[in-house]
């Protein structure tokens, strides 16, 4: 049981760090934890959509993530 909680905590922290990094200051680390699960999921979906859109650009163009 405690191992599962530790693993889930690690995943949450990793997701927070990744989200904060890619949001470029629009969301800070502590604000991320104040958000609801639904809000965090919406941000994740937004980032996934942006990554997908930017990956379609030709290689010679700068990609803005």
N, C-alpha and C. Protein backbone atom coordinates (compact mmCIF):
# COMPACT_ATOMS: atom_id res chain seq x y z
N UNK A 1 0.82 -1.20 0.00
CA UNK A 1 0.00 0.00 0.00
C UNK A 1 0.86 1.26 0.00
N UNK A 2 1.87 1.31 0.88
CA UNK A 2 2.71 2.50 0.95
C UNK A 2 3.57 2.66 -0.31
N UNK A 3 3.95 1.53 -0.88
CA UNK A 3 4.73 1.59 -2.11
C UNK A 3 3.89 2.21 -3.23
N UNK A 4 2.62 1.83 -3.31
CA UNK A 4 1.72 2.39 -4.31
C UNK A 4 1.57 3.89 -4.12
N UNK A 5 1.40 4.32 -2.88
CA UNK A 5 1.28 5.75 -2.60
C UNK A 5 2.56 6.50 -2.98
N UNK A 6 3.70 5.90 -2.67
CA UNK A 6 4.98 6.53 -3.02
C UNK A 6 5.11 6.64 -4.54
N UNK A 7 4.74 5.60 -5.26
CA UNK A 7 4.82 5.62 -6.72
C UNK A 7 3.88 6.67 -7.31
N UNK A 8 2.67 6.75 -6.79
CA UNK A 8 1.71 7.73 -7.27
C UNK A 8 2.18 9.15 -6.96
N UNK A 9 2.77 9.34 -5.80
CA UNK A 9 3.31 10.65 -5.44
C UNK A 9 4.42 11.05 -6.40
N UNK A 10 5.27 10.12 -6.73
CA UNK A 10 6.35 10.39 -7.67
C UNK A 10 5.81 10.79 -9.04
N UNK A 11 4.78 10.12 -9.49
CA UNK A 11 4.16 10.44 -10.78
C UNK A 11 3.56 11.84 -10.75
N UNK A 12 2.89 12.19 -9.68
CA UNK A 12 2.28 13.52 -9.54
C UNK A 12 3.36 14.60 -9.57
N UNK A 13 4.45 14.39 -8.86
CA UNK A 13 5.54 15.37 -8.84
C UNK A 13 6.16 15.51 -10.21
N UNK A 14 6.39 14.39 -10.89
CA UNK A 14 6.94 14.44 -12.26
C UNK A 14 6.02 15.20 -13.20
N UNK A 15 4.72 14.95 -13.11
CA UNK A 15 3.75 15.67 -13.94
C UNK A 15 3.74 17.16 -13.63
N UNK A 16 3.84 17.50 -12.37
CA UNK A 16 3.88 18.92 -11.97
C UNK A 16 5.10 19.60 -12.56
N UNK A 17 6.24 18.98 -12.44
CA UNK A 17 7.48 19.58 -12.97
C UNK A 17 7.39 19.76 -14.48
N UNK A 18 6.93 18.73 -15.19
CA UNK A 18 6.81 18.83 -16.64
C UNK A 18 5.83 19.91 -17.06
N UNK A 19 4.70 19.97 -16.40
CA UNK A 19 3.69 20.97 -16.74
C UNK A 19 4.21 22.37 -16.49
N UNK A 20 4.80 22.60 -15.35
CA UNK A 20 5.33 23.92 -15.01
C UNK A 20 6.40 24.33 -16.02
N UNK A 21 7.25 23.40 -16.39
CA UNK A 21 8.31 23.70 -17.36
C UNK A 21 7.72 24.13 -18.71
N UNK A 22 6.80 23.35 -19.23
CA UNK A 22 6.26 23.65 -20.55
C UNK A 22 5.27 24.81 -20.55
N UNK A 23 4.75 25.19 -19.40
CA UNK A 23 3.86 26.35 -19.33
C UNK A 23 4.65 27.65 -19.23
N UNK A 24 5.95 27.56 -19.11
CA UNK A 24 6.85 28.73 -19.13
C UNK A 24 6.44 29.83 -18.17
N UNK A 25 6.12 29.45 -16.98
CA UNK A 25 5.79 30.44 -15.97
C UNK A 25 4.33 30.81 -15.90
N UNK A 26 3.52 30.34 -16.83
CA UNK A 26 2.09 30.65 -16.78
C UNK A 26 1.43 30.00 -15.57
N UNK A 27 2.02 28.87 -15.15
CA UNK A 27 1.56 28.17 -13.95
C UNK A 27 2.80 27.85 -13.14
N UNK A 28 2.80 28.24 -11.87
CA UNK A 28 3.97 27.89 -11.06
C UNK A 28 3.71 26.60 -10.29
N UNK A 29 4.76 26.06 -9.73
CA UNK A 29 4.73 24.75 -9.08
C UNK A 29 3.67 24.67 -7.98
N UNK A 30 3.59 25.69 -7.16
CA UNK A 30 2.65 25.66 -6.04
C UNK A 30 1.20 25.85 -6.50
N UNK A 31 1.00 26.67 -7.53
CA UNK A 31 -0.34 26.83 -8.09
C UNK A 31 -0.85 25.53 -8.70
N UNK A 32 0.07 24.77 -9.28
CA UNK A 32 -0.31 23.49 -9.88
C UNK A 32 -0.98 22.58 -8.85
N UNK A 33 -0.45 22.57 -7.64
CA UNK A 33 -1.02 21.71 -6.59
C UNK A 33 -2.34 22.23 -6.07
N UNK A 34 -2.61 23.50 -6.28
CA UNK A 34 -3.88 24.08 -5.84
C UNK A 34 -5.01 23.78 -6.82
N UNK A 35 -4.66 23.34 -8.02
CA UNK A 35 -5.67 23.06 -9.04
C UNK A 35 -6.39 21.75 -8.76
N UNK A 36 -7.58 21.67 -9.30
CA UNK A 36 -8.34 20.42 -9.20
C UNK A 36 -7.79 19.43 -10.22
N UNK A 37 -8.17 18.19 -10.06
CA UNK A 37 -7.77 17.14 -10.99
C UNK A 37 -8.23 17.50 -12.41
N UNK A 38 -9.44 18.00 -12.55
CA UNK A 38 -10.00 18.35 -13.86
C UNK A 38 -9.17 19.46 -14.50
N UNK A 39 -8.79 20.46 -13.73
CA UNK A 39 -7.98 21.56 -14.27
C UNK A 39 -6.62 21.04 -14.75
N UNK A 40 -6.00 20.18 -13.97
CA UNK A 40 -4.70 19.63 -14.38
C UNK A 40 -4.84 18.80 -15.64
N UNK A 41 -5.92 18.04 -15.75
CA UNK A 41 -6.14 17.23 -16.95
C UNK A 41 -6.34 18.12 -18.18
N UNK A 42 -7.07 19.21 -18.02
CA UNK A 42 -7.30 20.13 -19.14
C UNK A 42 -5.99 20.76 -19.61
N UNK A 43 -5.13 21.12 -18.67
CA UNK A 43 -3.82 21.67 -19.04
C UNK A 43 -3.00 20.62 -19.77
N UNK A 44 -3.03 19.41 -19.30
CA UNK A 44 -2.29 18.32 -19.96
C UNK A 44 -2.79 18.10 -21.38
N UNK A 45 -4.10 18.11 -21.57
CA UNK A 45 -4.65 17.95 -22.91
C UNK A 45 -4.28 19.11 -23.81
N UNK A 46 -4.28 20.32 -23.25
CA UNK A 46 -3.87 21.49 -24.02
C UNK A 46 -2.42 21.34 -24.49
N UNK A 47 -1.53 20.94 -23.58
CA UNK A 47 -0.13 20.77 -23.95
C UNK A 47 0.04 19.68 -25.00
N UNK A 48 -0.65 18.58 -24.85
CA UNK A 48 -0.57 17.50 -25.83
C UNK A 48 -1.00 17.99 -27.21
N UNK A 49 -2.07 18.78 -27.25
CA UNK A 49 -2.55 19.34 -28.52
C UNK A 49 -1.49 20.26 -29.13
N UNK A 50 -0.90 21.10 -28.31
CA UNK A 50 0.15 22.01 -28.82
C UNK A 50 1.34 21.23 -29.35
N UNK A 51 1.78 20.20 -28.64
CA UNK A 51 2.91 19.40 -29.10
C UNK A 51 2.59 18.76 -30.45
N UNK A 52 1.38 18.25 -30.58
CA UNK A 52 0.97 17.60 -31.82
C UNK A 52 0.96 18.61 -32.97
N UNK A 53 0.40 19.80 -32.73
CA UNK A 53 0.34 20.83 -33.76
C UNK A 53 1.73 21.28 -34.18
N UNK A 54 2.59 21.50 -33.20
CA UNK A 54 3.94 21.98 -33.51
C UNK A 54 4.78 20.91 -34.19
N UNK A 55 4.54 19.65 -33.89
CA UNK A 55 5.32 18.58 -34.51
C UNK A 55 5.02 18.44 -36.00
N UNK A 56 3.91 18.99 -36.45
CA UNK A 56 3.54 18.93 -37.86
C UNK A 56 4.25 19.98 -38.71
N UNK A 57 4.89 20.95 -38.06
CA UNK A 57 5.61 21.98 -38.81
C UNK A 57 6.83 21.38 -39.49
N UNK A 58 7.19 21.93 -40.64
CA UNK A 58 8.41 21.46 -41.31
C UNK A 58 9.64 21.67 -40.41
N UNK A 59 10.63 20.83 -40.59
CA UNK A 59 11.81 20.85 -39.72
C UNK A 59 12.56 22.17 -39.76
N UNK A 60 12.51 22.90 -40.87
CA UNK A 60 13.26 24.15 -40.97
C UNK A 60 12.60 25.31 -40.22
N UNK A 61 11.38 25.16 -39.78
CA UNK A 61 10.70 26.20 -39.00
C UNK A 61 10.92 25.97 -37.50
N UNK A 62 11.04 27.06 -36.79
CA UNK A 62 11.17 26.95 -35.33
C UNK A 62 9.85 26.48 -34.74
N UNK A 63 9.95 25.55 -33.84
CA UNK A 63 8.77 25.05 -33.16
C UNK A 63 8.63 25.77 -31.83
N UNK A 64 7.41 26.21 -31.57
CA UNK A 64 7.14 26.93 -30.33
C UNK A 64 6.24 26.05 -29.47
N UNK A 65 6.82 25.53 -28.41
CA UNK A 65 6.04 24.69 -27.52
C UNK A 65 5.56 25.51 -26.40
